[in-house]
Amino acid sequence: MSARKTALEALLRVDENEGYSNLVLDKALRACTLDERDRALAAALFYGVLERRLTLDAVLERYLARPNEKKDPVVWEILRMSAYQIYYMDKIPDSAAVNEAVELSKASGKSKASGFVNGVLRNLLRQKGKAEFPPHRNSHFQQLSIQYSCPEWLLKLWENAYGAEVTRQFLEASFCRPPLFARVNTLKTTLEKLTVLLAEEQIDAEAVPLLENALQLKNTGSVAQSKCFQEGLFHIQDLSSQLCSSFLGAEPGDTVYDVCAAPGGKTFTIAQIMQNKGQITAFDQYKGKVGLIRKGAQRLGISCISAAVRDAAKDDRPLPLADRVLCDVPCSGFGIIRRKPEIRYKSCETIDSLPDLQYRILCKSSALLRPGGTLIYSTCTLNPAENGQNAERFLKEHRNFAAVPLQMPDSLRRTILEPENQLTLFPQTNQTDGFFISVFRKEE
């Protein structure tokens, strides 16, 4: 199977099954026999088309006789892929992009559409450099939507919440390749020793000034194949999640609940901060995900973690009170669109019920905390209804809780004005994912 056919099938799978892009692509690449060069091409096409979908659609529709007519999903995805190569991949000749699209149509059982594909793309090539790119729209939000390939409703939400300039900077950053960060497993090694060991594997590792025991990795290849990874000397974790874990303030000997823990990265970091002393219980709603937490803890050599199935929104079974509780709740995920670009195309209706679900989880989890204990509420999204509004509602309706000002690292910068116990992280400011953290203390 060719690189383009692999990318096409993966794109169709994302559309049909609404699967996460990283999981869909990983599965597609495991199933194929492409060499490294073609695997890289398949990945570039796959993510590029996902990221630029609305831009590509606006360009292609200029060359359709009936742009509002229902489109064949396979044929349209082939056209998107070809347009992406023509506008964004300088190393691929335009003629090759067109010819490969025609052949891919035939190979995908769409031979009758191959002439249509060829005609649309030839017309596009004739106008390339003449027609405005991206196409012009009169409305501010329509223009932004085409330029940044993002739905208008989401652009309006972000501009109203964070301002036009912060939104623009975030959208620009969403097209950048995200950095890869790791957390040193201090139960087994030190940052200095791990850096040397990774260098022996030709992996570049650089300490991150923002956070102790954090590394930025480059030239990793498949991380799972690294000997250091297999020996449990580190785990992959974005800086935002590492910060969230550190703000919990866990100490050796504490009892901690991580109520929505899978796949376990924050749990592992908290355990390392606690020097593997105390008790952390990591919960998740699904048995398979609980298994992932256990497997990860075993690889890292962490013994203070136990994992169990529990629905954080519904389970009323009593538990011993904890010193610290982490609620990293299910969310819309808009903070990680540079990693999973398909998330940006969610409809507003699909996330309407999330704030209430998140609030139920926060309220139920707060009851698990002892007086004087610390509670964190966090998400990986950029949506005030899921973030600050839930945090402020919680304080208003729970008078036995107080806001805890965040003890910020010196090099950590805020992007927007917000209460001292809240922090909204943006990739353009601190290289992190988009993320929200709020901290509370239960009064004695």
Protein backbone atom coordinates (compact mmCIF):
# COMPACT_ATOMS: atom_id res chain seq x y z
CA MET A 1 0.00 0.00 0.00
CA SER A 2 1.33 3.46 -0.91
CA ALA A 3 1.88 6.34 1.50
CA ARG A 4 -1.04 8.25 -0.03
CA LYS A 5 -3.40 5.26 0.22
CA THR A 6 -2.39 4.77 3.86
CA ALA A 7 -3.07 8.44 4.63
CA LEU A 8 -6.38 8.34 2.77
CA GLU A 9 -7.68 5.32 4.66
CA ALA A 10 -6.61 6.85 7.98
CA LEU A 11 -8.38 10.13 7.17
CA LEU A 12 -11.56 8.29 6.25
CA ARG A 13 -11.38 6.33 9.49
CA VAL A 14 -11.17 9.53 11.53
CA ASP A 15 -14.23 10.90 9.74
CA GLU A 16 -16.29 7.71 9.94
CA ASN A 17 -15.46 6.59 13.47
CA GLU A 18 -14.50 9.92 15.04
CA GLY A 19 -11.37 8.22 16.36
CA TYR A 20 -8.46 10.14 17.83
CA SER A 21 -6.02 10.96 15.05
CA ASN A 22 -2.89 9.69 16.82
CA LEU A 23 -4.46 6.29 17.52
CA VAL A 24 -5.87 5.99 14.00
CA LEU A 25 -2.55 6.83 12.36
CA ASP A 26 -0.54 4.57 14.66
CA LYS A 27 -2.81 1.66 13.76
CA ALA A 28 -2.58 2.44 10.04
CA LEU A 29 1.22 2.63 10.12
CA ARG A 30 1.52 -0.63 12.07
CA ALA A 31 -0.62 -2.37 9.45
CA CYS A 32 1.42 -1.19 6.45
CA THR A 33 4.87 -2.14 5.14
CA LEU A 34 6.10 1.33 4.18
CA ASP A 35 9.71 2.37 4.61
CA GLU A 36 10.56 5.29 6.89
CA ARG A 37 10.41 7.87 4.10
CA ASP A 38 6.92 6.81 3.00
CA ARG A 39 5.72 6.53 6.60
CA ALA A 40 6.81 10.14 7.12
CA LEU A 41 4.95 11.19 3.95
CA ALA A 42 1.79 9.38 5.08
CA ALA A 43 1.95 11.08 8.48
CA ALA A 44 2.59 14.52 6.96
CA LEU A 45 -0.37 14.17 4.60
CA PHE A 46 -2.65 12.81 7.30
CA TYR A 47 -2.00 15.53 9.87
CA GLY A 48 -1.68 18.29 7.28
CA VAL A 49 -5.08 17.58 5.75
CA LEU A 50 -6.68 17.34 9.18
CA GLU A 51 -5.16 20.66 10.25
CA ARG A 52 -6.10 22.54 7.06
CA ARG A 53 -9.44 20.94 6.23
CA LEU A 54 -11.58 24.09 6.09
CA THR A 55 -8.92 26.00 4.15
CA LEU A 56 -8.61 23.21 1.60
CA ASP A 57 -12.40 22.95 1.24
CA ALA A 58 -12.70 26.68 0.55
CA VAL A 59 -10.01 26.45 -2.14
CA LEU A 60 -11.45 23.37 -3.85
CA GLU A 61 -15.05 24.61 -3.86
CA ARG A 62 -14.02 27.47 -6.17
CA TYR A 63 -13.59 24.86 -8.94
CA LEU A 64 -16.85 22.96 -8.50
CA ALA A 65 -19.83 23.59 -10.77
CA ARG A 66 -22.16 22.78 -7.85
CA PRO A 67 -20.19 23.41 -4.61
CA ASN A 68 -23.16 22.67 -2.33
CA GLU A 69 -23.82 19.27 -3.89
CA LYS A 70 -23.21 16.22 -1.65
CA LYS A 71 -19.63 15.05 -2.07
CA ASP A 72 -18.31 11.50 -2.23
CA PRO A 73 -16.19 11.17 0.97
CA VAL A 74 -13.40 9.20 -0.71
CA VAL A 75 -13.13 11.48 -3.74
CA TRP A 76 -13.26 14.62 -1.62
CA GLU A 77 -10.54 13.37 0.71
CA ILE A 78 -8.34 12.60 -2.30
CA LEU A 79 -8.88 16.17 -3.53
CA ARG A 80 -8.02 17.57 -0.11
CA MET A 81 -4.81 15.55 -0.02
CA SER A 82 -3.81 16.76 -3.46
CA ALA A 83 -4.59 20.39 -2.69
CA TYR A 84 -2.55 20.11 0.49
CA GLN A 85 0.45 18.84 -1.48
CA ILE A 86 0.07 21.64 -4.04
CA TYR A 87 -0.17 24.48 -1.51
CA TYR A 88 1.85 23.24 1.46
CA MET A 89 4.42 20.65 0.29
CA ASP A 90 7.03 22.38 -1.83
CA LYS A 91 9.11 19.26 -2.42
CA ILE A 92 6.32 17.49 -4.29
CA PRO A 93 5.87 18.67 -7.91
CA ASP A 94 2.36 19.88 -8.64
CA SER A 95 2.06 17.55 -11.60
CA ALA A 96 2.96 14.58 -9.39
CA ALA A 97 0.27 15.57 -6.87
CA VAL A 98 -2.35 15.57 -9.67
CA ASN A 99 -1.21 12.33 -11.28
CA GLU A 100 -1.06 10.52 -7.93
CA ALA A 101 -4.59 11.73 -7.14
CA VAL A 102 -5.92 10.27 -10.38
CA GLU A 103 -4.18 6.94 -9.71
CA LEU A 104 -5.37 6.92 -6.10
CA SER A 105 -8.96 7.43 -7.29
CA LYS A 106 -8.66 4.34 -9.48
CA ALA A 107 -6.97 2.31 -6.72
CA SER A 108 -9.77 3.27 -4.31
CA GLY A 109 -12.56 1.99 -6.55
CA LYS A 110 -13.46 5.46 -7.85
CA SER A 111 -12.30 5.14 -11.46
CA LYS A 112 -15.40 6.95 -12.76
CA ALA A 113 -14.43 9.98 -10.67
CA SER A 114 -10.80 10.09 -11.88
CA GLY A 115 -11.65 12.49 -14.72
CA PHE A 116 -13.48 14.76 -12.29
CA VAL A 117 -10.49 14.71 -9.92
CA ASN A 118 -8.11 15.50 -12.76
CA GLY A 119 -10.29 18.37 -14.02
CA VAL A 120 -10.70 20.04 -10.62
CA LEU A 121 -6.98 19.87 -9.87
CA ARG A 122 -5.93 21.08 -13.33
CA ASN A 123 -8.21 24.10 -12.92
CA LEU A 124 -6.74 24.70 -9.48
CA LEU A 125 -3.21 24.62 -10.90
CA ARG A 126 -4.10 27.10 -13.63
CA GLN A 127 -5.26 29.58 -10.98
CA LYS A 128 -2.50 28.92 -8.45
CA GLY A 129 -0.65 32.17 -7.87
CA LYS A 130 -3.47 34.16 -9.46
CA ALA A 131 -6.42 33.46 -7.16
CA GLU A 132 -6.16 34.72 -3.58
CA PHE A 133 -4.98 32.14 -1.07
CA PRO A 134 -6.64 31.54 1.26
CA PRO A 135 -9.88 32.68 -0.39
CA HIS A 136 -11.16 36.06 0.84
CA ARG A 137 -14.32 36.45 2.90
CA ASN A 138 -15.96 39.69 4.00
CA SER A 139 -16.84 38.58 7.53
CA HIS A 140 -14.05 38.74 10.14
CA PHE A 141 -14.85 35.31 11.58
CA GLN A 142 -15.44 33.72 8.17
CA GLN A 143 -12.00 34.90 7.09
CA LEU A 144 -10.38 33.61 10.29
CA SER A 145 -12.21 30.32 9.87
CA ILE A 146 -10.76 29.77 6.41
CA GLN A 147 -7.31 31.10 7.29
CA TYR A 148 -6.89 28.97 10.41
CA SER A 149 -9.24 26.11 9.51
CA CYS A 150 -11.36 26.50 12.60
CA PRO A 151 -15.16 26.71 13.03
CA GLU A 152 -16.58 30.20 13.45
CA TRP A 153 -18.39 29.39 16.71
CA LEU A 154 -15.11 28.35 18.33
CA LEU A 155 -13.27 31.43 17.09
CA LYS A 156 -16.00 33.63 18.57
CA LEU A 157 -15.77 31.78 21.89
CA TRP A 158 -11.99 32.30 22.07
CA GLU A 159 -12.02 35.95 21.03
CA ASN A 160 -14.76 36.74 23.56
CA ALA A 161 -12.87 34.90 26.31
CA TYR A 162 -9.22 35.71 25.62
CA GLY A 163 -9.15 38.57 23.12
CA ALA A 164 -8.29 38.73 19.42
CA GLU A 165 -4.49 38.78 19.77
CA VAL A 166 -4.22 35.85 22.20
CA THR A 167 -6.57 33.89 19.94
CA ARG A 168 -4.52 34.66 16.84
CA GLN A 169 -1.29 33.65 18.57
CA PHE A 170 -2.86 30.41 19.77
CA LEU A 171 -4.11 29.58 16.28
CA GLU A 172 -0.66 30.23 14.81
CA ALA A 173 0.88 27.98 17.47
CA SER A 174 -1.66 25.24 16.72
CA PHE A 175 0.05 24.59 13.37
CA CYS A 176 3.49 24.17 14.94
CA ARG A 177 4.89 20.76 15.74
CA PRO A 178 4.49 20.35 19.52
CA PRO A 179 7.65 19.79 21.56
CA LEU A 180 8.11 16.43 23.27
CA PHE A 181 8.65 16.57 27.02
CA ALA A 182 9.57 13.83 29.46
CA ARG A 183 9.53 13.47 33.23
CA VAL A 184 12.65 11.98 34.81
CA ASN A 185 11.84 9.01 37.03
CA THR A 186 13.72 10.19 40.11
CA LEU A 187 13.04 6.85 41.80
CA LYS A 188 15.57 5.26 39.42
CA THR A 189 17.89 7.96 38.11
CA THR A 190 18.74 11.65 37.99
CA LEU A 191 18.27 14.19 35.23
CA GLU A 192 22.03 14.35 34.64
CA LYS A 193 22.45 10.57 34.40
CA LEU A 194 19.42 10.15 32.16
CA THR A 195 20.66 12.87 29.81
CA VAL A 196 23.92 10.95 29.34
CA LEU A 197 22.13 7.62 28.80
CA LEU A 198 19.78 9.15 26.24
CA ALA A 199 22.73 10.69 24.39
CA GLU A 200 24.17 7.17 24.03
CA GLU A 201 20.94 6.31 22.18
CA GLN A 202 21.39 9.42 19.97
CA ILE A 203 18.42 11.08 21.68
CA ASP A 204 18.91 14.77 22.43
CA ALA A 205 17.69 15.70 25.91
CA GLU A 206 17.73 19.21 27.33
CA ALA A 207 16.72 20.30 30.82
CA VAL A 208 13.69 22.61 30.97
CA PRO A 209 14.32 25.68 33.16
CA LEU A 210 10.61 25.97 33.91
CA LEU A 211 10.38 22.78 35.93
CA GLU A 212 12.70 20.52 37.90
CA ASN A 213 13.26 17.04 36.44
CA ALA A 214 11.64 17.91 33.11
CA LEU A 215 13.41 17.24 29.82
CA GLN A 216 12.69 18.23 26.25
CA LEU A 217 13.49 15.36 23.87
CA LYS A 218 14.47 15.53 20.21
CA ASN A 219 15.41 12.91 17.60
CA THR A 220 13.65 10.21 19.59
CA GLY A 221 12.33 7.98 16.85
CA SER A 222 9.86 5.59 18.46
CA VAL A 223 10.06 6.40 22.17
CA ALA A 224 8.80 2.93 23.12
CA GLN A 225 11.93 1.43 21.50
CA SER A 226 14.26 3.43 23.74
CA LYS A 227 16.15 1.30 26.25
CA CYS A 228 15.83 4.06 28.85
CA PHE A 229 12.07 4.12 28.36
CA GLN A 230 11.81 0.34 28.59
CA GLU A 231 13.80 0.40 31.82
CA GLY A 232 11.38 2.94 33.28
CA LEU A 233 13.82 5.85 33.58
CA PHE A 234 11.26 8.37 32.29
CA HIS A 235 7.72 8.80 31.04
CA ILE A 236 6.40 11.15 28.38
CA GLN A 237 4.39 14.04 29.80
CA ASP A 238 3.66 17.58 28.61
CA LEU A 239 4.88 20.42 30.83
CA SER A 240 1.27 21.42 31.54
CA SER A 241 0.57 18.07 33.19
CA GLN A 242 3.86 18.14 35.07
CA LEU A 243 2.98 21.59 36.42
CA CYS A 244 -0.47 20.38 37.42
CA SER A 245 1.06 17.49 39.35
CA SER A 246 3.53 19.77 41.12
CA PHE A 247 0.81 22.26 42.16
CA LEU A 248 -0.90 19.47 44.11
CA GLY A 249 1.93 19.80 46.64
CA ALA A 250 1.99 16.11 47.55
CA GLU A 251 4.51 15.02 50.20
CA PRO A 252 5.98 11.63 51.16
CA GLY A 253 3.46 9.70 53.26
CA ASP A 254 0.36 11.46 51.90
CA THR A 255 -2.84 9.76 50.84
CA VAL A 256 -3.81 10.92 47.34
CA TYR A 257 -6.77 10.24 45.03
CA ASP A 258 -6.46 10.82 41.28
CA VAL A 259 -10.11 10.45 40.30
CA CYS A 260 -9.83 10.51 36.46
CA ALA A 261 -6.32 9.14 36.20
CA ALA A 262 -5.87 7.25 32.91
CA PRO A 263 -3.43 6.83 31.29
CA GLY A 264 -1.63 7.70 34.54
CA GLY A 265 0.99 10.32 33.72
CA LYS A 266 0.02 12.70 36.52
CA THR A 267 -0.28 9.80 38.95
CA PHE A 268 3.27 8.70 38.13
CA THR A 269 4.70 12.20 38.55
CA ILE A 270 2.93 12.64 41.90
CA ALA A 271 4.32 9.30 43.09
CA GLN A 272 7.84 10.39 42.17
CA ILE A 273 7.38 13.69 44.01
CA MET A 274 6.23 11.62 47.02
CA GLN A 275 9.39 9.47 46.71
CA ASN A 276 7.15 6.40 46.40
CA LYS A 277 6.09 6.83 50.04
CA GLY A 278 2.43 7.00 50.97
CA GLN A 279 -0.63 5.83 49.06
CA ILE A 280 -1.99 6.98 45.71
CA THR A 281 -5.22 5.49 44.40
CA ALA A 282 -5.75 6.08 40.69
CA PHE A 283 -9.31 5.67 39.46
CA ASP A 284 -10.82 5.38 36.01
CA GLN A 285 -14.23 4.49 34.68
CA TYR A 286 -12.96 1.79 32.33
CA LYS A 287 -11.25 -1.48 33.20
CA GLY A 288 -8.90 -1.35 30.19
CA LYS A 289 -7.60 2.08 31.16
CA VAL A 290 -7.07 0.96 34.75
CA GLY A 291 -4.87 -1.78 33.31
CA LEU A 292 -2.79 0.85 31.50
CA ILE A 293 -2.15 2.66 34.79
CA ARG A 294 -1.00 -0.54 36.47
CA LYS A 295 1.25 -1.41 33.55
CA GLY A 296 2.83 2.05 33.55
CA ALA A 297 3.44 2.00 37.30
CA GLN A 298 5.09 -1.40 37.00
CA ARG A 299 7.44 -0.20 34.23
CA LEU A 300 8.45 2.80 36.35
CA GLY A 301 8.96 0.70 39.48
CA ILE A 302 6.32 2.57 41.50
CA SER A 303 4.76 0.59 44.34
CA CYS A 304 2.68 3.25 46.12
CA ILE A 305 0.05 3.33 43.36
CA SER A 306 -3.06 1.18 43.34
CA ALA A 307 -5.56 1.45 40.48
CA ALA A 308 -9.27 0.71 40.51
CA VAL A 309 -12.45 1.11 38.48
CA ARG A 310 -14.67 3.96 39.67
CA ASP A 311 -17.06 6.41 37.99
CA ALA A 312 -16.08 9.79 39.41
CA ALA A 313 -19.46 11.35 38.52
CA LYS A 314 -21.72 8.66 39.97
CA ASP A 315 -19.94 6.48 42.53
CA ASP A 316 -21.15 7.24 46.07
CA ARG A 317 -19.27 4.49 47.87
CA PRO A 318 -17.44 5.99 50.88
CA LEU A 319 -13.66 6.14 50.86
CA PRO A 320 -11.16 7.10 53.57
CA LEU A 321 -10.48 10.83 53.42
CA ALA A 322 -7.39 11.86 51.44
CA ASP A 323 -4.78 14.56 51.99
CA ARG A 324 -4.94 15.58 48.34
CA VAL A 325 -7.35 14.98 45.46
CA LEU A 326 -6.71 15.58 41.76
CA CYS A 327 -9.68 16.06 39.41
CA ASP A 328 -8.33 16.19 35.87
CA VAL A 329 -11.76 15.90 34.33
CA PRO A 330 -12.96 14.77 30.87
CA CYS A 331 -13.13 17.85 28.65
CA SER A 332 -13.52 19.15 25.10
CA GLY A 333 -9.74 19.01 24.56
CA PHE A 334 -9.36 22.31 22.69
CA GLY A 335 -5.99 22.89 24.36
CA ILE A 336 -4.40 20.01 22.45
CA ILE A 337 -5.53 20.71 18.88
CA ARG A 338 -1.92 20.89 17.69
CA ARG A 339 -1.62 17.21 18.74
CA LYS A 340 -5.13 16.11 17.71
CA PRO A 341 -6.25 18.61 15.03
CA GLU A 342 -9.60 16.89 14.46
CA ILE A 343 -10.79 18.14 17.86
CA ARG A 344 -11.24 21.66 16.46
CA TYR A 345 -14.10 20.46 14.23
CA LYS A 346 -16.35 19.46 17.13
CA SER A 347 -19.77 21.09 17.09
CA CYS A 348 -20.76 23.30 19.99
CA GLU A 349 -23.65 20.93 20.78
CA THR A 350 -21.25 18.06 21.53
CA ILE A 351 -19.67 19.94 24.44
CA ASP A 352 -22.73 21.63 25.94
CA SER A 353 -23.18 18.97 28.64
CA LEU A 354 -19.52 18.85 29.68
CA PRO A 355 -19.45 21.69 32.27
CA ASP A 356 -22.23 20.07 34.30
CA LEU A 357 -20.52 16.66 34.19
CA GLN A 358 -17.23 18.22 35.22
CA TYR A 359 -18.88 20.09 38.06
CA ARG A 360 -20.50 16.89 39.39
CA ILE A 361 -17.10 15.21 39.38
CA LEU A 362 -15.53 18.15 41.20
CA CYS A 363 -18.26 18.26 43.86
CA LYS A 364 -18.22 14.50 44.49
CA SER A 365 -14.44 14.43 44.62
CA SER A 366 -14.27 17.32 47.09
CA ALA A 367 -16.12 15.13 49.60
CA LEU A 368 -13.17 12.71 49.57
CA LEU A 369 -10.82 15.34 51.04
CA ARG A 370 -9.92 15.77 54.69
CA PRO A 371 -10.07 19.23 56.32
CA GLY A 372 -6.89 21.12 55.48
CA GLY A 373 -6.37 19.07 52.33
CA THR A 374 -5.66 20.29 48.78
CA LEU A 375 -7.95 19.86 45.79
CA ILE A 376 -7.00 20.49 42.14
CA TYR A 377 -9.45 20.89 39.27
CA SER A 378 -7.88 20.78 35.80
CA THR A 379 -8.67 20.35 32.11
CA CYS A 380 -6.75 20.25 28.84
CA THR A 381 -9.14 22.65 27.15
CA LEU A 382 -9.53 26.37 26.48
CA ASN A 383 -13.17 27.08 27.27
CA PRO A 384 -14.19 29.31 30.21
CA ALA A 385 -17.40 27.32 30.76
CA GLU A 386 -15.31 24.24 31.50
CA ASN A 387 -12.55 26.12 33.31
CA GLY A 388 -12.85 29.32 35.32
CA GLN A 389 -16.63 29.31 35.49
CA ASN A 390 -16.67 25.87 37.09
CA ALA A 391 -13.90 26.87 39.50
CA GLU A 392 -15.72 30.05 40.55
CA ARG A 393 -19.05 28.26 40.87
CA PHE A 394 -17.43 25.68 43.14
CA LEU A 395 -16.08 28.32 45.51
CA LYS A 396 -19.42 30.13 45.58
CA GLU A 397 -21.37 26.95 46.41
CA HIS A 398 -18.81 25.38 48.79
CA ARG A 399 -18.11 27.79 51.60
CA ASN A 400 -15.88 25.25 53.35
CA PHE A 401 -13.32 25.59 50.53
CA ALA A 402 -10.91 28.46 49.91
CA ALA A 403 -8.91 29.49 46.84
CA VAL A 404 -5.18 28.74 47.08
CA PRO A 405 -2.87 31.17 45.24
CA LEU A 406 -0.56 29.29 42.90
CA GLN A 407 3.14 29.26 43.75
CA MET A 408 4.38 29.92 40.23
CA PRO A 409 7.86 29.02 38.98
CA ASP A 410 9.87 32.17 38.24
CA SER A 411 9.98 31.58 34.48
CA LEU A 412 6.29 30.69 34.12
CA ARG A 413 4.31 33.52 32.53
CA ARG A 414 0.60 34.19 32.55
CA THR A 415 -1.14 34.91 29.24
CA ILE A 416 -4.41 36.34 30.55
CA LEU A 417 -5.63 38.03 33.73
CA GLU A 418 -7.33 35.59 36.10
CA PRO A 419 -7.70 34.81 39.84
CA GLU A 420 -4.52 33.84 41.69
CA ASN A 421 -5.72 30.26 42.25
CA GLN A 422 -6.28 29.75 38.50
CA LEU A 423 -3.87 29.35 35.61
CA THR A 424 -4.72 29.05 31.92
CA LEU A 425 -1.73 27.86 29.92
CA PHE A 426 -1.24 28.60 26.21
CA PRO A 427 1.36 27.06 23.85
CA GLN A 428 2.53 30.44 22.57
CA THR A 429 3.52 31.59 26.07
CA ASN A 430 5.22 28.66 27.80
CA GLN A 431 5.44 25.97 25.06
CA THR A 432 2.88 23.90 26.96
CA ASP A 433 -0.39 22.47 25.73
CA GLY A 434 -3.47 24.59 26.34
CA PHE A 435 -4.42 23.70 29.90
CA PHE A 436 -6.32 24.95 32.96
CA ILE A 437 -5.45 24.48 36.64
CA SER A 438 -7.24 25.69 39.77
CA VAL A 439 -6.33 24.93 43.39
CA PHE A 440 -8.53 24.85 46.50
CA ARG A 441 -8.06 24.04 50.18
CA LYS A 442 -10.68 22.49 52.45
CA GLU A 443 -11.02 24.60 55.57
CA GLU A 444 -10.18 23.06 58.95
